[in-house]
PDB file of N, CA and C in Angstrom:
ATOM      1  N   MET A   1      -3.701 -10.445   8.483  1.00  0.00           N
ATOM      2  CA  MET A   1      -4.044  -9.580   7.377  1.00  0.00           C
ATOM      3  C   MET A   1      -5.415  -9.991   6.852  1.00  0.00           C
ATOM      4  N   LYS A   2      -6.240  -9.004   6.594  1.00  0.00           N
ATOM      5  CA  LYS A   2      -7.591  -9.264   6.090  1.00  0.00           C
ATOM      6  C   LYS A   2      -7.533  -9.700   4.629  1.00  0.00           C
ATOM      7  N   GLU A   3      -8.649 -10.238   4.140  1.00  0.00           N
ATOM      8  CA  GLU A   3      -8.722 -10.727   2.768  1.00  0.00           C
ATOM      9  C   GLU A   3      -9.161  -9.656   1.779  1.00  0.00           C
ATOM     10  N   SER A   4      -9.704  -8.543   2.303  1.00  0.00           N
ATOM     11  CA  SER A   4     -10.145  -7.474   1.413  1.00  0.00           C
ATOM     12  C   SER A   4     -10.177  -6.157   2.177  1.00  0.00           C
ATOM     13  N   VAL A   5     -10.279  -5.063   1.409  1.00  0.00           N
ATOM     14  CA  VAL A   5     -10.373  -3.736   1.998  1.00  0.00           C
ATOM     15  C   VAL A   5     -11.317  -2.903   1.128  1.00  0.00           C
ATOM     16  N   ASN A   6     -12.117  -2.067   1.773  1.00  0.00           N
ATOM     17  CA  ASN A   6     -13.031  -1.178   1.073  1.00  0.00           C
ATOM     18  C   ASN A   6     -12.297   0.123   0.776  1.00  0.00           C
ATOM     19  N   VAL A   7     -12.198   0.454  -0.498  1.00  0.00           N
ATOM     20  CA  VAL A   7     -11.524   1.679  -0.932  1.00  0.00           C
ATOM     21  C   VAL A   7     -12.549   2.547  -1.652  1.00  0.00           C
ATOM     22  N   LEU A   8     -13.057   3.544  -0.949  1.00  0.00           N
ATOM     23  CA  LEU A   8     -14.050   4.466  -1.511  1.00  0.00           C
ATOM     24  C   LEU A   8     -15.212   3.721  -2.172  1.00  0.00           C
ATOM     25  N   GLY A   9     -15.673   2.667  -1.505  1.00  0.00           N
ATOM     26  CA  GLY A   9     -16.828   1.918  -1.974  1.00  0.00           C
ATOM     27  C   GLY A   9     -16.503   0.758  -2.897  1.00  0.00           C
ATOM     28  N   THR A  10     -15.249   0.559  -3.220  1.00  0.00           N
ATOM     29  CA  THR A  10     -14.835  -0.537  -4.089  1.00  0.00           C
ATOM     30  C   THR A  10     -14.019  -1.536  -3.276  1.00  0.00           C
ATOM     31  N   SER A  11     -14.372  -2.802  -3.389  1.00  0.00           N
ATOM     32  CA  SER A  11     -13.672  -3.844  -2.648  1.00  0.00           C
ATOM     33  C   SER A  11     -12.414  -4.290  -3.403  1.00  0.00           C
ATOM     34  N   TYR A  12     -11.291  -4.273  -2.718  1.00  0.00           N
ATOM     35  CA  TYR A  12     -10.024  -4.781  -3.243  1.00  0.00           C
ATOM     36  C   TYR A  12      -9.653  -6.042  -2.475  1.00  0.00           C
ATOM     37  N   ARG A  13      -9.372  -7.126  -3.199  1.00  0.00           N
ATOM     38  CA  ARG A  13      -8.867  -8.344  -2.569  1.00  0.00           C
ATOM     39  C   ARG A  13      -7.423  -8.101  -2.124  1.00  0.00           C
ATOM     40  N   ILE A  14      -7.047  -8.714  -1.007  1.00  0.00           N
ATOM     41  CA  ILE A  14      -5.668  -8.669  -0.541  1.00  0.00           C
ATOM     42  C   ILE A  14      -5.152 -10.099  -0.521  1.00  0.00           C
ATOM     43  N   GLU A  15      -4.052 -10.318  -1.229  1.00  0.00           N
ATOM     44  CA  GLU A  15      -3.457 -11.650  -1.279  1.00  0.00           C
ATOM     45  C   GLU A  15      -1.982 -11.567  -0.936  1.00  0.00           C
ATOM     46  N   GLN A  16      -1.495 -12.593  -0.263  1.00  0.00           N
ATOM     47  CA  GLN A  16      -0.061 -12.731  -0.029  1.00  0.00           C
ATOM     48  C   GLN A  16       0.446 -13.793  -0.989  1.00  0.00           C
ATOM     49  N   ARG A  17       1.541 -13.480  -1.686  1.00  0.00           N
ATOM     50  CA  ARG A  17       2.077 -14.395  -2.690  1.00  0.00           C
ATOM     51  C   ARG A  17       3.594 -14.477  -2.579  1.00  0.00           C
ATOM     52  N   GLU A  18       4.128 -15.530  -3.180  1.00  0.00           N
ATOM     53  CA  GLU A  18       5.573 -15.702  -3.278  1.00  0.00           C
ATOM     54  C   GLU A  18       6.017 -15.340  -4.685  1.00  0.00           C
ATOM     55  N   GLU A  19       7.237 -14.819  -4.799  1.00  0.00           N
ATOM     56  CA  GLU A  19       7.748 -14.404  -6.107  1.00  0.00           C
ATOM     57  C   GLU A  19       7.754 -15.561  -7.108  1.00  0.00           C
ATOM     58  N   LYS A  20       8.061 -16.775  -6.642  1.00  0.00           N
ATOM     59  CA  LYS A  20       8.129 -17.908  -7.581  1.00  0.00           C
ATOM     60  C   LYS A  20       6.781 -18.160  -8.258  1.00  0.00           C
ATOM     61  N   ASN A  21       5.679 -17.746  -7.619  1.00  0.00           N
ATOM     62  CA  ASN A  21       4.343 -17.906  -8.191  1.00  0.00           C
ATOM     63  C   ASN A  21       3.803 -16.621  -8.815  1.00  0.00           C
ATOM     64  N   ASP A  22       4.526 -15.525  -8.640  1.00  0.00           N
ATOM     65  CA  ASP A  22       4.084 -14.233  -9.167  1.00  0.00           C
ATOM     66  C   ASP A  22       5.308 -13.402  -9.551  1.00  0.00           C
ATOM     67  N   PRO A  23       5.748 -13.504 -10.806  1.00  0.00           N
ATOM     68  CA  PRO A  23       6.949 -12.796 -11.246  1.00  0.00           C
ATOM     69  C   PRO A  23       6.873 -11.272 -11.106  1.00  0.00           C
ATOM     70  N   LEU A  24       5.657 -10.723 -10.984  1.00  0.00           N
ATOM     71  CA  LEU A  24       5.547  -9.271 -10.799  1.00  0.00           C
ATOM     72  C   LEU A  24       6.163  -8.819  -9.477  1.00  0.00           C
ATOM     73  N   LEU A  25       6.352  -9.734  -8.549  1.00  0.00           N
ATOM     74  CA  LEU A  25       6.927  -9.388  -7.242  1.00  0.00           C
ATOM     75  C   LEU A  25       8.454  -9.254  -7.277  1.00  0.00           C
ATOM     76  N   LYS A  26       9.073  -9.523  -8.421  1.00  0.00           N
ATOM     77  CA  LYS A  26      10.529  -9.395  -8.504  1.00  0.00           C
ATOM     78  C   LYS A  26      10.935  -7.988  -8.080  1.00  0.00           C
ATOM     79  N   ASP A  27      11.752  -7.907  -7.047  1.00  0.00           N
ATOM     80  CA  ASP A  27      12.261  -6.645  -6.498  1.00  0.00           C
ATOM     81  C   ASP A  27      11.174  -5.769  -5.868  1.00  0.00           C
ATOM     82  N   LEU A  28      10.011  -6.334  -5.571  1.00  0.00           N
ATOM     83  CA  LEU A  28       8.926  -5.562  -4.960  1.00  0.00           C
ATOM     84  C   LEU A  28       8.468  -6.204  -3.655  1.00  0.00           C
ATOM     85  N   GLY A  29       7.942  -5.369  -2.757  1.00  0.00           N
ATOM     86  CA  GLY A  29       7.314  -5.866  -1.546  1.00  0.00           C
ATOM     87  C   GLY A  29       5.839  -6.115  -1.756  1.00  0.00           C
ATOM     88  N   GLY A  30       5.302  -5.518  -2.808  1.00  0.00           N
ATOM     89  CA  GLY A  30       3.897  -5.682  -3.117  1.00  0.00           C
ATOM     90  C   GLY A  30       3.528  -4.831  -4.310  1.00  0.00           C
ATOM     91  N   TYR A  31       2.280  -4.939  -4.731  1.00  0.00           N
ATOM     92  CA  TYR A  31       1.797  -4.090  -5.811  1.00  0.00           C
ATOM     93  C   TYR A  31       0.278  -4.009  -5.748  1.00  0.00           C
ATOM     94  N   CYS A  32      -0.257  -3.017  -6.437  1.00  0.00           N
ATOM     95  CA  CYS A  32      -1.698  -2.815  -6.525  1.00  0.00           C
ATOM     96  C   CYS A  32      -2.085  -2.905  -7.991  1.00  0.00           C
ATOM     97  N   GLU A  33      -2.960  -3.842  -8.309  1.00  0.00           N
ATOM     98  CA  GLU A  33      -3.477  -3.998  -9.662  1.00  0.00           C
ATOM     99  C   GLU A  33      -4.888  -3.411  -9.670  1.00  0.00           C
ATOM    100  N   VAL A  34      -4.981  -2.145 -10.108  1.00  0.00           N
ATOM    101  CA  VAL A  34      -6.252  -1.427  -9.982  1.00  0.00           C
ATOM    102  C   VAL A  34      -7.347  -1.981 -10.883  1.00  0.00           C
ATOM    103  N   TYR A  35      -6.996  -2.548 -12.015  1.00  0.00           N
ATOM    104  CA  TYR A  35      -8.026  -3.041 -12.934  1.00  0.00           C
ATOM    105  C   TYR A  35      -8.625  -4.361 -12.458  1.00  0.00           C
ATOM    106  N   ASP A  36      -7.853  -5.130 -11.687  1.00  0.00           N
ATOM    107  CA  ASP A  36      -8.370  -6.366 -11.099  1.00  0.00           C
ATOM    108  C   ASP A  36      -8.859  -6.154  -9.669  1.00  0.00           C
ATOM    109  N   ARG A  37      -8.691  -4.932  -9.153  1.00  0.00           N
ATOM    110  CA  ARG A  37      -9.052  -4.616  -7.756  1.00  0.00           C
ATOM    111  C   ARG A  37      -8.347  -5.596  -6.812  1.00  0.00           C
ATOM    112  N   LEU A  38      -7.025  -5.655  -6.943  1.00  0.00           N
ATOM    113  CA  LEU A  38      -6.216  -6.620  -6.218  1.00  0.00           C
ATOM    114  C   LEU A  38      -4.974  -5.957  -5.628  1.00  0.00           C
ATOM    115  N   ILE A  39      -4.702  -6.246  -4.367  1.00  0.00           N
ATOM    116  CA  ILE A  39      -3.475  -5.824  -3.704  1.00  0.00           C
ATOM    117  C   ILE A  39      -2.710  -7.093  -3.348  1.00  0.00           C
ATOM    118  N   VAL A  40      -1.463  -7.156  -3.791  1.00  0.00           N
ATOM    119  CA  VAL A  40      -0.624  -8.319  -3.524  1.00  0.00           C
ATOM    120  C   VAL A  40       0.525  -7.899  -2.619  1.00  0.00           C
ATOM    121  N   ILE A  41       0.722  -8.660  -1.556  1.00  0.00           N
ATOM    122  CA  ILE A  41       1.809  -8.429  -0.609  1.00  0.00           C
ATOM    123  C   ILE A  41       2.723  -9.643  -0.652  1.00  0.00           C
ATOM    124  N   ARG A  42       3.999  -9.381  -0.753  1.00  0.00           N
ATOM    125  CA  ARG A  42       4.987 -10.469  -0.814  1.00  0.00           C
ATOM    126  C   ARG A  42       5.046 -11.186   0.524  1.00  0.00           C
ATOM    127  N   LYS A  43       5.128 -12.520   0.477  1.00  0.00           N
ATOM    128  CA  LYS A  43       5.249 -13.263   1.724  1.00  0.00           C
ATOM    129  C   LYS A  43       6.550 -14.045   1.821  1.00  0.00           C
ATOM    130  N   ASP A  44       7.357 -14.019   0.778  1.00  0.00           N
ATOM    131  CA  ASP A  44       8.680 -14.636   0.845  1.00  0.00           C
ATOM    132  C   ASP A  44       9.739 -13.540   0.701  1.00  0.00           C
ATOM    133  N   TRP A  45      10.724 -13.581   1.537  1.00  0.00           N
ATOM    134  CA  TRP A  45      11.776 -12.558   1.523  1.00  0.00           C
ATOM    135  C   TRP A  45      13.126 -13.259   1.550  1.00  0.00           C
ATOM    136  N   SER A  46      13.998 -12.879   0.632  1.00  0.00           N
ATOM    137  CA  SER A  46      15.312 -13.526   0.585  1.00  0.00           C
ATOM    138  C   SER A  46      16.165 -13.122   1.782  1.00  0.00           C
ATOM    139  N   SER A  47      15.962 -11.920   2.265  1.00  0.00           N
ATOM    140  CA  SER A  47      16.711 -11.485   3.457  1.00  0.00           C
ATOM    141  C   SER A  47      15.702 -11.033   4.505  1.00  0.00           C
ATOM    142  N   MET A  48      15.264 -11.960   5.312  1.00  0.00           N
ATOM    143  CA  MET A  48      14.266 -11.705   6.345  1.00  0.00           C
ATOM    144  C   MET A  48      14.829 -10.766   7.400  1.00  0.00           C
ATOM    145  N   PRO A  49      14.081  -9.764   7.803  1.00  0.00           N
ATOM    146  CA  PRO A  49      14.538  -8.915   8.908  1.00  0.00           C
ATOM    147  C   PRO A  49      14.798  -9.769  10.152  1.00  0.00           C
ATOM    148  N   PRO A  50      15.681  -9.313  11.029  1.00  0.00           N
ATOM    149  CA  PRO A  50      16.102 -10.133  12.157  1.00  0.00           C
ATOM    150  C   PRO A  50      15.008 -10.458  13.175  1.00  0.00           C
ATOM    151  N   LYS A  51      14.033  -9.581  13.339  1.00  0.00           N
ATOM    152  CA  LYS A  51      12.999  -9.814  14.354  1.00  0.00           C
ATOM    153  C   LYS A  51      11.623  -9.795  13.715  1.00  0.00           C
ATOM    154  N   LYS A  52      10.728 -10.634  14.240  1.00  0.00           N
ATOM    155  CA  LYS A  52       9.366 -10.697  13.717  1.00  0.00           C
ATOM    156  C   LYS A  52       8.672  -9.342  13.811  1.00  0.00           C
ATOM    157  N   SER A  53       8.930  -8.586  14.883  1.00  0.00           N
ATOM    158  CA  SER A  53       8.261  -7.289  15.033  1.00  0.00           C
ATOM    159  C   SER A  53       8.656  -6.329  13.903  1.00  0.00           C
ATOM    160  N   ILE A  54       9.890  -6.397  13.438  1.00  0.00           N
ATOM    161  CA  ILE A  54      10.318  -5.553  12.328  1.00  0.00           C
ATOM    162  C   ILE A  54       9.647  -6.015  11.038  1.00  0.00           C
ATOM    163  N   PHE A  55       9.595  -7.326  10.835  1.00  0.00           N
ATOM    164  CA  PHE A  55       8.948  -7.877   9.654  1.00  0.00           C
ATOM    165  C   PHE A  55       7.482  -7.469   9.610  1.00  0.00           C
ATOM    166  N   ASP A  56       6.775  -7.609  10.715  1.00  0.00           N
ATOM    167  CA  ASP A  56       5.358  -7.242  10.768  1.00  0.00           C
ATOM    168  C   ASP A  56       5.160  -5.769  10.440  1.00  0.00           C
ATOM    169  N   SER A  57       6.012  -4.901  10.978  1.00  0.00           N
ATOM    170  CA  SER A  57       5.914  -3.464  10.696  1.00  0.00           C
ATOM    171  C   SER A  57       6.149  -3.184   9.217  1.00  0.00           C
ATOM    172  N   MET A  58       7.124  -3.870   8.642  1.00  0.00           N
ATOM    173  CA  MET A  58       7.441  -3.680   7.234  1.00  0.00           C
ATOM    174  C   MET A  58       6.261  -4.100   6.353  1.00  0.00           C
ATOM    175  N   VAL A  59       5.660  -5.238   6.650  1.00  0.00           N
ATOM    176  CA  VAL A  59       4.527  -5.720   5.862  1.00  0.00           C
ATOM    177  C   VAL A  59       3.346  -4.753   5.982  1.00  0.00           C
ATOM    178  N   LYS A  60       3.102  -4.226   7.172  1.00  0.00           N
ATOM    179  CA  LYS A  60       2.010  -3.261   7.354  1.00  0.00           C
ATOM    180  C   LYS A  60       2.266  -1.988   6.551  1.00  0.00           C
ATOM    181  N   GLU A  61       3.513  -1.532   6.527  1.00  0.00           N
ATOM    182  CA  GLU A  61       3.844  -0.333   5.756  1.00  0.00           C
ATOM    183  C   GLU A  61       3.631  -0.583   4.259  1.00  0.00           C
ATOM    184  N   ILE A  62       4.039  -1.757   3.783  1.00  0.00           N
ATOM    185  CA  ILE A  62       3.827  -2.104   2.372  1.00  0.00           C
ATOM    186  C   ILE A  62       2.330  -2.170   2.069  1.00  0.00           C
ATOM    187  N   LEU A  63       1.550  -2.756   2.964  1.00  0.00           N
ATOM    188  CA  LEU A  63       0.106  -2.832   2.771  1.00  0.00           C
ATOM    189  C   LEU A  63      -0.508  -1.433   2.724  1.00  0.00           C
ATOM    190  N   ARG A  64      -0.101  -0.550   3.634  1.00  0.00           N
ATOM    191  CA  ARG A  64      -0.610   0.834   3.601  1.00  0.00           C
ATOM    192  C   ARG A  64      -0.265   1.495   2.271  1.00  0.00           C
ATOM    193  N   HIS A  65       0.959   1.289   1.806  1.00  0.00           N
ATOM    194  CA  HIS A  65       1.430   1.874   0.543  1.00  0.00           C
ATOM    195  C   HIS A  65       0.528   1.426  -0.615  1.00  0.00           C
ATOM    196  N   GLU A  66       0.272   0.131  -0.697  1.00  0.00           N
ATOM    197  CA  GLU A  66      -0.531  -0.381  -1.805  1.00  0.00           C
ATOM    198  C   GLU A  66      -1.995   0.049  -1.689  1.00  0.00           C
ATOM    199  N   ILE A  67      -2.517   0.139  -0.479  1.00  0.00           N
ATOM    200  CA  ILE A  67      -3.882   0.646  -0.288  1.00  0.00           C
ATOM    201  C   ILE A  67      -3.974   2.096  -0.750  1.00  0.00           C
ATOM    202  N   LEU A  68      -2.941   2.881  -0.487  1.00  0.00           N
ATOM    203  CA  LEU A  68      -2.946   4.274  -0.954  1.00  0.00           C
ATOM    204  C   LEU A  68      -2.980   4.349  -2.472  1.00  0.00           C
ATOM    205  N   HIS A  69      -2.250   3.474  -3.157  1.00  0.00           N
ATOM    206  CA  HIS A  69      -2.346   3.445  -4.623  1.00  0.00           C
ATOM    207  C   HIS A  69      -3.798   3.214  -5.042  1.00  0.00           C
ATOM    208  N   ALA A  70      -4.484   2.312  -4.357  1.00  0.00           N
ATOM    209  CA  ALA A  70      -5.895   2.045  -4.674  1.00  0.00           C
ATOM    210  C   ALA A  70      -6.747   3.292  -4.429  1.00  0.00           C
ATOM    211  N   PHE A  71      -6.503   4.001  -3.323  1.00  0.00           N
ATOM    212  CA  PHE A  71      -7.251   5.234  -3.045  1.00  0.00           C
ATOM    213  C   PHE A  71      -6.996   6.283  -4.121  1.00  0.00           C
ATOM    214  N   PHE A  72      -5.750   6.444  -4.541  1.00  0.00           N
ATOM    215  CA  PHE A  72      -5.450   7.411  -5.596  1.00  0.00           C
ATOM    216  C   PHE A  72      -6.191   7.047  -6.878  1.00  0.00           C
ATOM    217  N   TYR A  73      -6.230   5.761  -7.217  1.00  0.00           N
ATOM    218  CA  TYR A  73      -6.929   5.337  -8.420  1.00  0.00           C
ATOM    219  C   TYR A  73      -8.429   5.574  -8.295  1.00  0.00           C
ATOM    220  N   GLU A  74      -9.020   5.097  -7.228  1.00  0.00           N
ATOM    221  CA  GLU A  74     -10.469   5.184  -7.057  1.00  0.00           C
ATOM    222  C   GLU A  74     -10.957   6.620  -6.924  1.00  0.00           C
ATOM    223  N   SER A  75     -10.089   7.517  -6.484  1.00  0.00           N
ATOM    224  CA  SER A  75     -10.502   8.917  -6.339  1.00  0.00           C
ATOM    225  C   SER A  75     -10.285   9.716  -7.622  1.00  0.00           C
ATOM    226  N   GLY A  76      -9.755   9.077  -8.659  1.00  0.00           N
ATOM    227  CA  GLY A  76      -9.554   9.762  -9.936  1.00  0.00           C
ATOM    228  C   GLY A  76      -8.220  10.461 -10.057  1.00  0.00           C
ATOM    229  N   LEU A  77      -7.334  10.261  -9.118  1.00  0.00           N
ATOM    230  CA  LEU A  77      -6.040  10.958  -9.145  1.00  0.00           C
ATOM    231  C   LEU A  77      -4.930  10.154  -9.814  1.00  0.00           C
ATOM    232  N   TRP A  78      -5.173   8.915 -10.118  1.00  0.00           N
ATOM    233  CA  TRP A  78      -4.141   7.992 -10.600  1.00  0.00           C
ATOM    234  C   TRP A  78      -3.332   8.582 -11.760  1.00  0.00           C
ATOM    235  N   ASP A  79      -3.976   8.934 -12.853  1.00  0.00           N
ATOM    236  CA  ASP A  79      -3.270   9.465 -14.016  1.00  0.00           C
ATOM    237  C   ASP A  79      -3.652  10.900 -14.343  1.00  0.00           C
ATOM    238  N   ASN A  80      -4.374  11.536 -13.449  1.00  0.00           N
ATOM    239  CA  ASN A  80      -4.858  12.878 -13.718  1.00  0.00           C
ATOM    240  C   ASN A  80      -4.319  13.873 -12.704  1.00  0.00           C
ATOM    241  N   SER A  81      -3.009  13.879 -12.561  1.00  0.00           N
ATOM    242  CA  SER A  81      -2.389  14.728 -11.549  1.00  0.00           C
ATOM    243  C   SER A  81      -1.884  16.036 -12.124  1.00  0.00           C
ATOM    244  N   SER A  82      -2.475  16.474 -13.216  1.00  0.00           N
ATOM    245  CA  SER A  82      -2.184  17.759 -13.837  1.00  0.00           C
ATOM    246  C   SER A  82      -0.741  17.845 -14.302  1.00  0.00           C
ATOM    247  N   SER A  83      -0.099  18.940 -14.014  1.00  0.00           N
ATOM    248  CA  SER A  83       1.231  19.194 -14.567  1.00  0.00           C
ATOM    249  C   SER A  83       2.367  18.713 -13.676  1.00  0.00           C
ATOM    250  N   SER A  84       2.078  17.944 -12.650  1.00  0.00           N
ATOM    251  CA  SER A  84       3.140  17.534 -11.729  1.00  0.00           C
ATOM    252  C   SER A  84       3.614  16.107 -11.978  1.00  0.00           C
ATOM    253  N   ASN A  85       3.644  15.701 -13.239  1.00  0.00           N
ATOM    254  CA  ASN A  85       4.123  14.365 -13.595  1.00  0.00           C
ATOM    255  C   ASN A  85       3.429  13.267 -12.799  1.00  0.00           C
ATOM    256  N   VAL A  86       2.129  13.287 -12.829  1.00  0.00           N
ATOM    257  CA  VAL A  86       1.269  12.305 -12.167  1.00  0.00           C
ATOM    258  C   VAL A  86       1.725  11.955 -10.749  1.00  0.00           C
ATOM    259  N   TRP A  87       1.693  12.935  -9.880  1.00  0.00           N
ATOM    260  CA  TRP A  87       2.157  12.749  -8.504  1.00  0.00           C
ATOM    261  C   TRP A  87       1.442  11.608  -7.800  1.00  0.00           C
ATOM    262  N   ALA A  88       0.222  11.295  -8.198  1.00  0.00           N
ATOM    263  CA  ALA A  88      -0.545  10.264  -7.501  1.00  0.00           C
ATOM    264  C   ALA A  88      -0.022   8.856  -7.771  1.00  0.00           C
ATOM    265  N   THR A  89       0.819   8.675  -8.776  1.00  0.00           N
ATOM    266  CA  THR A  89       1.443   7.376  -8.994  1.00  0.00           C
ATOM    267  C   THR A  89       2.909   7.407  -8.574  1.00  0.00           C
ATOM    268  N   ASN A  90       3.348   8.510  -8.047  1.00  0.00           N
ATOM    269  CA  ASN A  90       4.732   8.671  -7.613  1.00  0.00           C
ATOM    270  C   ASN A  90       4.996   7.831  -6.369  1.00  0.00           C
ATOM    271  N   GLU A  91       6.026   7.003  -6.418  1.00  0.00           N
ATOM    272  CA  GLU A  91       6.324   6.104  -5.297  1.00  0.00           C
ATOM    273  C   GLU A  91       6.750   6.854  -4.043  1.00  0.00           C
ATOM    274  N   GLU A  92       7.485   7.945  -4.191  1.00  0.00           N
ATOM    275  CA  GLU A  92       7.923   8.699  -3.018  1.00  0.00           C
ATOM    276  C   GLU A  92       6.738   9.324  -2.285  1.00  0.00           C
ATOM    277  N   MET A  93       5.789   9.865  -3.040  1.00  0.00           N
ATOM    278  CA  MET A  93       4.604  10.461  -2.433  1.00  0.00           C
ATOM    279  C   MET A  93       3.784   9.386  -1.709  1.00  0.00           C
ATOM    280  N   THR A  94       3.615   8.250  -2.357  1.00  0.00           N
ATOM    281  CA  THR A  94       2.848   7.161  -1.760  1.00  0.00           C
ATOM    282  C   THR A  94       3.543   6.638  -0.516  1.00  0.00           C
ATOM    283  N   ASP A  95       4.861   6.484  -0.570  1.00  0.00           N
ATOM    284  CA  ASP A  95       5.626   6.071   0.613  1.00  0.00           C
ATOM    285  C   ASP A  95       5.462   7.073   1.744  1.00  0.00           C
ATOM    286  N   TRP A  96       5.502   8.359   1.418  1.00  0.00           N
ATOM    287  CA  TRP A  96       5.377   9.384   2.455  1.00  0.00           C
ATOM    288  C   TRP A  96       4.064   9.209   3.213  1.00  0.00           C
ATOM    289  N   PHE A  97       2.969   9.064   2.466  1.00  0.00           N
ATOM    290  CA  PHE A  97       1.665   8.858   3.118  1.00  0.00           C
ATOM    291  C   PHE A  97       1.641   7.566   3.921  1.00  0.00           C
ATOM    292  N   ALA A  98       2.194   6.489   3.360  1.00  0.00           N
ATOM    293  CA  ALA A  98       2.172   5.190   4.044  1.00  0.00           C
ATOM    294  C   ALA A  98       2.963   5.227   5.345  1.00  0.00           C
ATOM    295  N   ILE A  99       4.076   5.937   5.343  1.00  0.00           N
ATOM    296  CA  ILE A  99       4.932   6.008   6.531  1.00  0.00           C
ATOM    297  C   ILE A  99       4.387   7.004   7.547  1.00  0.00           C
ATOM    298  N   GLN A 100       3.915   8.135   7.074  1.00  0.00           N
ATOM    299  CA  GLN A 100       3.472   9.196   7.977  1.00  0.00           C
ATOM    300  C   GLN A 100       2.014   9.063   8.403  1.00  0.00           C
ATOM    301  N   GLY A 101       1.230   8.282   7.667  1.00  0.00           N
ATOM    302  CA  GLY A 101      -0.198   8.137   7.959  1.00  0.00           C
ATOM    303  C   GLY A 101      -0.520   7.790   9.399  1.00  0.00           C
ATOM    304  N   PRO A 102       0.117   6.758   9.977  1.00  0.00           N
ATOM    305  CA  PRO A 102      -0.185   6.424  11.374  1.00  0.00           C
ATOM    306  C   PRO A 102       0.141   7.561  12.339  1.00  0.00           C
ATOM    307  N   LYS A 103       1.187   8.304  12.051  1.00  0.00           N
ATOM    308  CA  LYS A 103       1.569   9.430  12.915  1.00  0.00           C
ATOM    309  C   LYS A 103       0.551  10.567  12.799  1.00  0.00           C
ATOM    310  N   ILE A 104       0.100  10.809  11.572  1.00  0.00           N
ATOM    311  CA  ILE A 104      -0.905  11.846  11.350  1.00  0.00           C
ATOM    312  C   ILE A 104      -2.210  11.443  12.037  1.00  0.00           C
ATOM    313  N   TYR A 105      -2.619  10.178  11.862  1.00  0.00           N
ATOM    314  CA  TYR A 105      -3.840   9.689  12.504  1.00  0.00           C
ATOM    315  C   TYR A 105      -3.751   9.830  14.021  1.00  0.00           C
ATOM    316  N   LYS A 106      -2.612   9.483  14.584  1.00  0.00           N
ATOM    317  CA  LYS A 106      -2.422   9.598  16.039  1.00  0.00           C
ATOM    318  C   LYS A 106      -2.556  11.056  16.477  1.00  0.00           C
ATOM    319  N   ALA A 107      -1.949  11.957  15.737  1.00  0.00           N
ATOM    320  CA  ALA A 107      -2.040  13.384  16.077  1.00  0.00           C
ATOM    321  C   ALA A 107      -3.479  13.873  15.986  1.00  0.00           C
ATOM    322  N   TRP A 108      -4.185  13.463  14.949  1.00  0.00           N
ATOM    323  CA  TRP A 108      -5.585  13.848  14.803  1.00  0.00           C
ATOM    324  C   TRP A 108      -6.412  13.316  15.963  1.00  0.00           C
ATOM    325  N   ARG A 109      -6.170  12.052  16.327  1.00  0.00           N
ATOM    326  CA  ARG A 109      -6.903  11.433  17.432  1.00  0.00           C
ATOM    327  C   ARG A 109      -6.614  12.160  18.729  1.00  0.00           C
ATOM    328  N   GLU A 110      -5.337  12.461  18.999  1.00  0.00           N
ATOM    329  CA  GLU A 110      -4.968  13.160  20.236  1.00  0.00           C
ATOM    330  C   GLU A 110      -5.563  14.549  20.302  1.00  0.00           C
ATOM    331  N   ALA A 111      -5.705  15.188  19.159  1.00  0.00           N
ATOM    332  CA  ALA A 111      -6.225  16.554  19.104  1.00  0.00           C
ATOM    333  C   ALA A 111      -7.759  16.595  19.088  1.00  0.00           C
ATOM    334  N   GLY A 112      -8.386  15.432  19.004  1.00  0.00           N
ATOM    335  CA  GLY A 112      -9.841  15.389  18.924  1.00  0.00           C
ATOM    336  C   GLY A 112     -10.366  15.804  17.579  1.00  0.00           C
ATOM    337  N   ALA A 113      -9.557  15.617  16.537  1.00  0.00           N
ATOM    338  CA  ALA A 113      -9.939  16.075  15.212  1.00  0.00           C
ATOM    339  C   ALA A 113     -10.634  14.999  14.368  1.00  0.00           C
ATOM    340  N   LEU A 114     -10.904  13.849  14.958  1.00  0.00           N
ATOM    341  CA  LEU A 114     -11.563  12.787  14.187  1.00  0.00           C
ATOM    342  C   LEU A 114     -13.059  12.745  14.465  1.00  0.00           C
TER     343      LEU A 114
END
């Protein structure tokens, strides 16, 4: 995992932390702190997935999810989502993009749309 990511021209630090050192991770896989330009990914899990390949996929999905929160914030959509109850901070919407993003990218690449 890299130490930072460029989000629309703004650098966000990426850190892996344990819940015992970061109480904000309670019941979370990660979070995005937009005011500190920080993405935190949990590195301790009470119930580790059975295979490393599953764990790696899960961590990548969480990282994509938190990066999307940063994109929504940096693009001005964070709290300004009009009448749809701030869809840009909605966890289901963010999860959808994080899960479907690689599939969409693959389709775009296969179609020559990039």
